[in-house]
Amino acid sequence: MIKELDRWNEKRVRQGREKIIADISVHYGEVVLGDIGVRESMSFTVIGDTVNTTSRLQELCRKLDKRVLVSEDILQQAEVEGQKSWQNYYCYEGIHKVRGREEAISVYGAIESGIDSE
């Protein structure tokens, strides 16, 4: 996603337009998925602590000056599913308290060279 955003921004700059700034965060856990609202105003969405935590990780991207942040939970799940090479792409950024959550979480940032080589 970062590589595609960079390509898009190169095109935008050539056209004299501003770059789009976006950060990416990923977390793992249960969510509630479905149509939420009232009959007059329904939307298909996801809600729950996992969604909120992912949003708070995205806010941390700016603070830590990282384009991509992931939680330890997603990396542990990746290992459960046989993906052990994540260590080549992410480095430990510490334990962080995020708004709306009692427990602090361990956060990992994408290694920029890993983003470029994908």
C-alpha atoms as a PDB file:
ATOM      1  CA  MET A   1       0.000   0.000   0.000  1.00  0.00           C
ATOM      2  CA  ILE A   2       2.857   2.376   0.834  1.00  0.00           C
ATOM      3  CA  LYS A   3       4.604   1.658  -2.456  1.00  0.00           C
ATOM      4  CA  GLU A   4       1.374   2.312  -4.366  1.00  0.00           C
ATOM      5  CA  LEU A   5       0.786   5.544  -2.440  1.00  0.00           C
ATOM      6  CA  ASP A   6       4.338   6.657  -3.278  1.00  0.00           C
ATOM      7  CA  ARG A   7       3.757   5.940  -6.990  1.00  0.00           C
ATOM      8  CA  TRP A   8       0.476   7.851  -6.886  1.00  0.00           C
ATOM      9  CA  ASN A   9       2.141  10.787  -5.153  1.00  0.00           C
ATOM     10  CA  GLU A  10       4.914  10.896  -7.753  1.00  0.00           C
ATOM     11  CA  LYS A  11       2.232  11.221 -10.425  1.00  0.00           C
ATOM     12  CA  ARG A  12       0.389  13.898  -8.393  1.00  0.00           C
ATOM     13  CA  VAL A  13       3.570  15.950  -7.927  1.00  0.00           C
ATOM     14  CA  ARG A  14       4.335  15.763 -11.676  1.00  0.00           C
ATOM     15  CA  GLN A  15       0.820  17.145 -12.253  1.00  0.00           C
ATOM     16  CA  GLY A  16       1.515  20.005  -9.831  1.00  0.00           C
ATOM     17  CA  ARG A  17      -0.787  18.588  -7.150  1.00  0.00           C
ATOM     18  CA  GLU A  18      -0.079  18.046  -3.457  1.00  0.00           C
ATOM     19  CA  LYS A  19       1.020  14.710  -2.015  1.00  0.00           C
ATOM     20  CA  ILE A  20      -1.475  12.607  -0.103  1.00  0.00           C
ATOM     21  CA  ILE A  21      -0.205  11.785   3.380  1.00  0.00           C
ATOM     22  CA  ALA A  22      -1.469   8.488   4.826  1.00  0.00           C
ATOM     23  CA  ASP A  23      -0.361   6.178   7.605  1.00  0.00           C
ATOM     24  CA  ILE A  24      -1.234   2.512   7.975  1.00  0.00           C
ATOM     25  CA  SER A  25      -1.875   0.541  11.147  1.00  0.00           C
ATOM     26  CA  VAL A  26      -2.776  -3.104  11.688  1.00  0.00           C
ATOM     27  CA  HIS A  27      -4.038  -4.899  14.796  1.00  0.00           C
ATOM     28  CA  TYR A  28      -5.558  -8.330  15.365  1.00  0.00           C
ATOM     29  CA  GLY A  29      -8.624  -9.344  17.347  1.00  0.00           C
ATOM     30  CA  GLU A  30     -12.353  -9.896  17.311  1.00  0.00           C
ATOM     31  CA  VAL A  31     -14.740  -7.340  15.795  1.00  0.00           C
ATOM     32  CA  VAL A  32     -18.473  -6.966  15.369  1.00  0.00           C
ATOM     33  CA  LEU A  33     -19.312  -6.837  11.661  1.00  0.00           C
ATOM     34  CA  GLY A  34     -22.627  -6.019  10.098  1.00  0.00           C
ATOM     35  CA  ASP A  35     -25.337  -3.494   9.396  1.00  0.00           C
ATOM     36  CA  ILE A  36     -25.402  -0.996  12.236  1.00  0.00           C
ATOM     37  CA  GLY A  37     -27.867   1.810  12.791  1.00  0.00           C
ATOM     38  CA  VAL A  38     -31.569   2.347  12.405  1.00  0.00           C
ATOM     39  CA  ARG A  39     -33.787   1.549   9.442  1.00  0.00           C
ATOM     40  CA  GLU A  40     -33.475   5.111   8.091  1.00  0.00           C
ATOM     41  CA  SER A  41     -29.695   5.163   8.395  1.00  0.00           C
ATOM     42  CA  MET A  42     -27.893   1.824   8.183  1.00  0.00           C
ATOM     43  CA  SER A  43     -24.264   1.282   7.379  1.00  0.00           C
ATOM     44  CA  PHE A  44     -22.215  -1.870   6.983  1.00  0.00           C
ATOM     45  CA  THR A  45     -19.262  -1.487   9.324  1.00  0.00           C
ATOM     46  CA  VAL A  46     -17.019  -3.024  11.970  1.00  0.00           C
ATOM     47  CA  ILE A  47     -16.876  -1.931  15.587  1.00  0.00           C
ATOM     48  CA  GLY A  48     -15.123  -2.989  18.772  1.00  0.00           C
ATOM     49  CA  ASP A  49     -11.896  -2.698  20.726  1.00  0.00           C
ATOM     50  CA  THR A  50      -9.843  -4.091  17.830  1.00  0.00           C
ATOM     51  CA  VAL A  51     -11.111  -1.381  15.485  1.00  0.00           C
ATOM     52  CA  ASN A  52     -10.521   1.340  18.087  1.00  0.00           C
ATOM     53  CA  THR A  53      -7.014   0.087  18.850  1.00  0.00           C
ATOM     54  CA  THR A  54      -6.152   0.031  15.155  1.00  0.00           C
ATOM     55  CA  SER A  55      -7.289   3.643  14.870  1.00  0.00           C
ATOM     56  CA  ARG A  56      -5.159   4.638  17.881  1.00  0.00           C
ATOM     57  CA  LEU A  57      -2.143   2.896  16.351  1.00  0.00           C
ATOM     58  CA  GLN A  58      -2.666   4.999  13.259  1.00  0.00           C
ATOM     59  CA  GLU A  59      -2.547   8.113  15.445  1.00  0.00           C
ATOM     60  CA  LEU A  60       0.784   6.872  16.850  1.00  0.00           C
ATOM     61  CA  CYS A  61       2.284   6.770  13.351  1.00  0.00           C
ATOM     62  CA  ARG A  62       2.786  10.530  13.385  1.00  0.00           C
ATOM     63  CA  LYS A  63       4.166  10.586  16.920  1.00  0.00           C
ATOM     64  CA  LEU A  64       6.712   7.867  16.127  1.00  0.00           C
ATOM     65  CA  ASP A  65       7.356   9.134  12.593  1.00  0.00           C
ATOM     66  CA  LYS A  66       6.465   5.760  11.077  1.00  0.00           C
ATOM     67  CA  ARG A  67       4.395   5.180   7.967  1.00  0.00           C
ATOM     68  CA  VAL A  68       3.289   1.706   9.104  1.00  0.00           C
ATOM     69  CA  LEU A  69       2.686   0.481  12.661  1.00  0.00           C
ATOM     70  CA  VAL A  70       1.442  -2.922  13.740  1.00  0.00           C
ATOM     71  CA  SER A  71       0.619  -4.433  17.095  1.00  0.00           C
ATOM     72  CA  GLU A  72       2.350  -7.410  18.623  1.00  0.00           C
ATOM     73  CA  ASP A  73      -1.010  -9.206  18.412  1.00  0.00           C
ATOM     74  CA  ILE A  74      -0.974  -9.229  14.598  1.00  0.00           C
ATOM     75  CA  LEU A  75       2.635 -10.405  14.499  1.00  0.00           C
ATOM     76  CA  GLN A  76       1.864 -13.237  16.922  1.00  0.00           C
ATOM     77  CA  GLN A  77      -1.067 -14.277  14.748  1.00  0.00           C
ATOM     78  CA  ALA A  78       1.168 -14.168  11.675  1.00  0.00           C
ATOM     79  CA  GLU A  79       3.499 -16.615  13.418  1.00  0.00           C
ATOM     80  CA  VAL A  80       0.568 -18.880  14.322  1.00  0.00           C
ATOM     81  CA  GLU A  81      -0.265 -18.942  10.610  1.00  0.00           C
ATOM     82  CA  GLY A  82       3.336 -19.801   9.663  1.00  0.00           C
ATOM     83  CA  GLN A  83       4.609 -16.345   8.686  1.00  0.00           C
ATOM     84  CA  LYS A  84       7.826 -16.054  10.675  1.00  0.00           C
ATOM     85  CA  SER A  85       9.689 -13.665   8.374  1.00  0.00           C
ATOM     86  CA  TRP A  86       7.982 -10.579   9.835  1.00  0.00           C
ATOM     87  CA  GLN A  87      11.176  -9.860  11.826  1.00  0.00           C
ATOM     88  CA  ASN A  88      12.790  -8.826   8.530  1.00  0.00           C
ATOM     89  CA  TYR A  89      10.224  -6.079   8.054  1.00  0.00           C
ATOM     90  CA  TYR A  90       9.337  -4.706  11.509  1.00  0.00           C
ATOM     91  CA  CYS A  91      11.307  -3.321  14.437  1.00  0.00           C
ATOM     92  CA  TYR A  92      10.186  -2.915  18.035  1.00  0.00           C
ATOM     93  CA  GLU A  93       8.996   0.606  18.832  1.00  0.00           C
ATOM     94  CA  GLY A  94       8.186   0.042  22.506  1.00  0.00           C
ATOM     95  CA  ILE A  95       5.131  -0.318  24.681  1.00  0.00           C
ATOM     96  CA  HIS A  96       2.606   2.474  24.236  1.00  0.00           C
ATOM     97  CA  LYS A  97      -0.536   3.515  26.041  1.00  0.00           C
ATOM     98  CA  VAL A  98      -3.266   4.356  23.558  1.00  0.00           C
ATOM     99  CA  ARG A  99      -6.374   6.407  24.164  1.00  0.00           C
ATOM    100  CA  GLY A 100      -9.443   4.438  25.227  1.00  0.00           C
ATOM    101  CA  ARG A 101      -7.564   1.318  26.263  1.00  0.00           C
ATOM    102  CA  GLU A 102      -6.533   0.222  29.776  1.00  0.00           C
ATOM    103  CA  GLU A 103      -3.551  -1.882  28.762  1.00  0.00           C
ATOM    104  CA  ALA A 104      -0.544  -0.521  26.912  1.00  0.00           C
ATOM    105  CA  ILE A 105       0.388  -2.421  23.765  1.00  0.00           C
ATOM    106  CA  SER A 106       3.662  -3.439  22.149  1.00  0.00           C
ATOM    107  CA  VAL A 107       4.119  -1.685  18.834  1.00  0.00           C
ATOM    108  CA  TYR A 108       6.317  -2.475  15.842  1.00  0.00           C
ATOM    109  CA  GLY A 109       7.155  -0.152  12.964  1.00  0.00           C
ATOM    110  CA  ALA A 110       7.859  -1.095   9.389  1.00  0.00           C
ATOM    111  CA  ILE A 111      11.513  -0.981   8.457  1.00  0.00           C
ATOM    112  CA  GLU A 112      11.622   1.483   5.566  1.00  0.00           C
ATOM    113  CA  SER A 113      14.016  -0.675   3.543  1.00  0.00           C
ATOM    114  CA  GLY A 114      11.515  -3.539   3.890  1.00  0.00           C
ATOM    115  CA  ILE A 115       8.809  -1.322   2.424  1.00  0.00           C
ATOM    116  CA  ASP A 116      11.022  -0.343  -0.495  1.00  0.00           C
ATOM    117  CA  SER A 117      12.095  -3.896  -1.321  1.00  0.00           C
ATOM    118  CA  GLU A 118       8.643  -5.498  -1.375  1.00  0.00           C
END
